[in-house]
Amino acid sequence: MVVDTNILIACLNAEPRAATVLSEWKQDGRALLISSVSIAETLAIAPVTAGEIEKIKAFIREFISIPFDDTIAETAGFLRRKYRLEIPDAAIAATAFSRNVPLVSRDRQFRKVSEITLIEL
């Protein structure tokens, strides 16, 4: 499954539900993917210290990063046009679509994207 940026941030903020569920999924051996777009969004959190940046990078390395390539970009463009998503959200949804896996998010706008399965956390 692809984990959305808002779930990553919730875990970094030590929100119990998000942290517990992701931990359980990891223990179950589920593949947890993230879009390279989520890496940029997560590292853009401000203000953060150099130490906090290193903590974020270490946390991100626990996931399988899927690069934003041309195929995903084309799908993101389609999803943006069809659902009027912002480019980062379209890119993350396109990543889930390209891998044929669910998207884990708190963003309700993904409910309207019929091309993906949404797991709301």
Protein backbone atom coordinates (compact mmCIF):
# COMPACT_ATOMS: atom_id res chain seq x y z
CA MET A 1 0.00 0.00 0.00
CA VAL A 2 1.02 3.60 -0.58
CA VAL A 3 1.16 5.75 2.56
CA ASP A 4 0.14 9.39 2.04
CA THR A 5 2.14 12.30 3.41
CA ASN A 6 -0.50 13.11 6.04
CA ILE A 7 -0.05 9.66 7.58
CA LEU A 8 3.73 10.05 7.61
CA ILE A 9 3.39 13.39 9.37
CA ALA A 10 0.92 11.92 11.86
CA CYS A 11 3.46 9.23 12.73
CA LEU A 12 6.25 11.77 13.07
CA ASN A 13 3.97 13.71 15.42
CA ALA A 14 3.52 10.50 17.44
CA GLU A 15 -0.22 10.28 16.84
CA PRO A 16 -1.08 6.93 18.46
CA ARG A 17 -3.55 5.54 15.91
CA ALA A 18 -1.35 6.16 12.86
CA ALA A 19 1.82 4.97 14.59
CA THR A 20 0.14 1.82 15.92
CA VAL A 21 -1.46 0.82 12.63
CA LEU A 22 1.73 1.34 10.60
CA SER A 23 3.71 -0.58 13.20
CA GLU A 24 1.26 -3.48 13.01
CA TRP A 25 1.40 -3.49 9.21
CA LYS A 26 5.21 -3.54 9.30
CA GLN A 27 5.16 -6.45 11.77
CA ASP A 28 2.74 -8.29 9.46
CA GLY A 29 5.28 -7.90 6.67
CA ARG A 30 3.15 -5.65 4.49
CA ALA A 31 5.01 -3.62 1.90
CA LEU A 32 4.66 0.05 2.80
CA LEU A 33 5.35 2.31 -0.16
CA ILE A 34 5.63 6.07 -0.39
CA SER A 35 5.80 8.39 -3.35
CA SER A 36 8.97 10.39 -3.78
CA VAL A 37 6.59 13.37 -3.72
CA SER A 38 5.77 12.49 -0.10
CA ILE A 39 9.47 12.63 0.72
CA ALA A 40 9.61 16.22 -0.53
CA GLU A 41 6.40 17.16 1.29
CA THR A 42 7.56 15.60 4.56
CA LEU A 43 10.99 17.23 4.40
CA ALA A 44 9.31 20.58 3.71
CA ILE A 45 7.77 20.66 7.19
CA ALA A 46 8.84 23.88 8.86
CA PRO A 47 10.36 24.87 11.14
CA VAL A 48 12.66 21.97 11.84
CA THR A 49 16.20 21.65 13.12
CA ALA A 50 19.00 19.74 11.42
CA GLY A 51 18.50 16.97 13.98
CA GLU A 52 14.80 16.78 13.18
CA ILE A 53 15.60 16.56 9.46
CA GLU A 54 17.84 13.55 10.15
CA LYS A 55 15.05 11.96 12.21
CA ILE A 56 12.61 12.48 9.32
CA LYS A 57 15.08 11.01 6.81
CA ALA A 58 15.64 7.94 9.01
CA PHE A 59 11.88 7.46 9.34
CA ILE A 60 11.35 7.80 5.57
CA ARG A 61 14.02 5.15 4.91
CA GLU A 62 11.70 2.62 6.62
CA PHE A 63 9.45 2.77 3.53
CA ILE A 64 9.90 1.72 -0.08
CA SER A 65 10.15 4.91 -2.13
CA ILE A 66 8.55 4.92 -5.56
CA PRO A 67 10.14 7.52 -7.87
CA PHE A 68 7.91 9.99 -9.68
CA ASP A 69 8.62 8.82 -13.22
CA ASP A 70 7.03 9.64 -16.59
CA THR A 71 4.42 6.89 -16.36
CA ILE A 72 3.26 8.06 -12.93
CA ALA A 73 3.39 11.66 -14.17
CA GLU A 74 1.04 10.84 -17.05
CA THR A 75 -1.39 9.14 -14.68
CA ALA A 76 -1.12 12.08 -12.28
CA GLY A 77 -2.01 14.44 -15.11
CA PHE A 78 -5.06 12.34 -15.94
CA LEU A 79 -6.17 12.24 -12.27
CA ARG A 80 -5.63 15.99 -11.90
CA ARG A 81 -7.78 16.71 -14.94
CA LYS A 82 -10.51 14.24 -14.00
CA TYR A 83 -10.76 15.05 -10.26
CA ARG A 84 -9.17 18.51 -10.02
CA LEU A 85 -6.57 17.25 -7.56
CA GLU A 86 -3.50 19.27 -6.70
CA ILE A 87 -0.40 17.91 -8.42
CA PRO A 88 1.14 16.39 -5.24
CA ASP A 89 -2.12 14.59 -4.41
CA ALA A 90 -2.55 13.44 -8.00
CA ALA A 91 1.04 12.14 -7.97
CA ILE A 92 0.50 10.18 -4.77
CA ALA A 93 -2.78 8.70 -6.04
CA ALA A 94 -1.08 7.86 -9.35
CA THR A 95 1.64 6.03 -7.43
CA ALA A 96 -0.97 3.81 -5.76
CA PHE A 97 -2.69 3.28 -9.11
CA SER A 98 0.56 2.39 -10.89
CA ARG A 99 1.39 -0.27 -8.30
CA ASN A 100 -2.22 -1.49 -8.06
CA VAL A 101 -2.23 -1.11 -4.28
CA PRO A 102 -4.47 0.83 -1.86
CA LEU A 103 -3.72 4.38 -0.77
CA VAL A 104 -3.66 5.02 2.99
CA SER A 105 -4.69 8.59 3.72
CA ARG A 106 -6.74 10.94 5.84
CA ASP A 107 -7.55 13.07 2.82
CA ARG A 108 -11.23 12.63 2.04
CA GLN A 109 -10.90 14.01 -1.47
CA PHE A 110 -9.44 10.64 -2.49
CA ARG A 111 -12.88 9.09 -1.92
CA LYS A 112 -13.92 10.38 -5.33
CA VAL A 113 -10.97 8.77 -7.16
CA SER A 114 -12.55 5.58 -8.49
CA GLU A 115 -9.27 4.30 -9.93
CA ILE A 116 -7.80 3.56 -6.48
CA THR A 117 -8.81 1.84 -3.27
CA LEU A 118 -8.66 4.17 -0.28
CA ILE A 119 -7.92 3.10 3.28
CA GLU A 120 -8.81 5.94 5.60
CA LEU A 121 -6.76 6.07 8.75
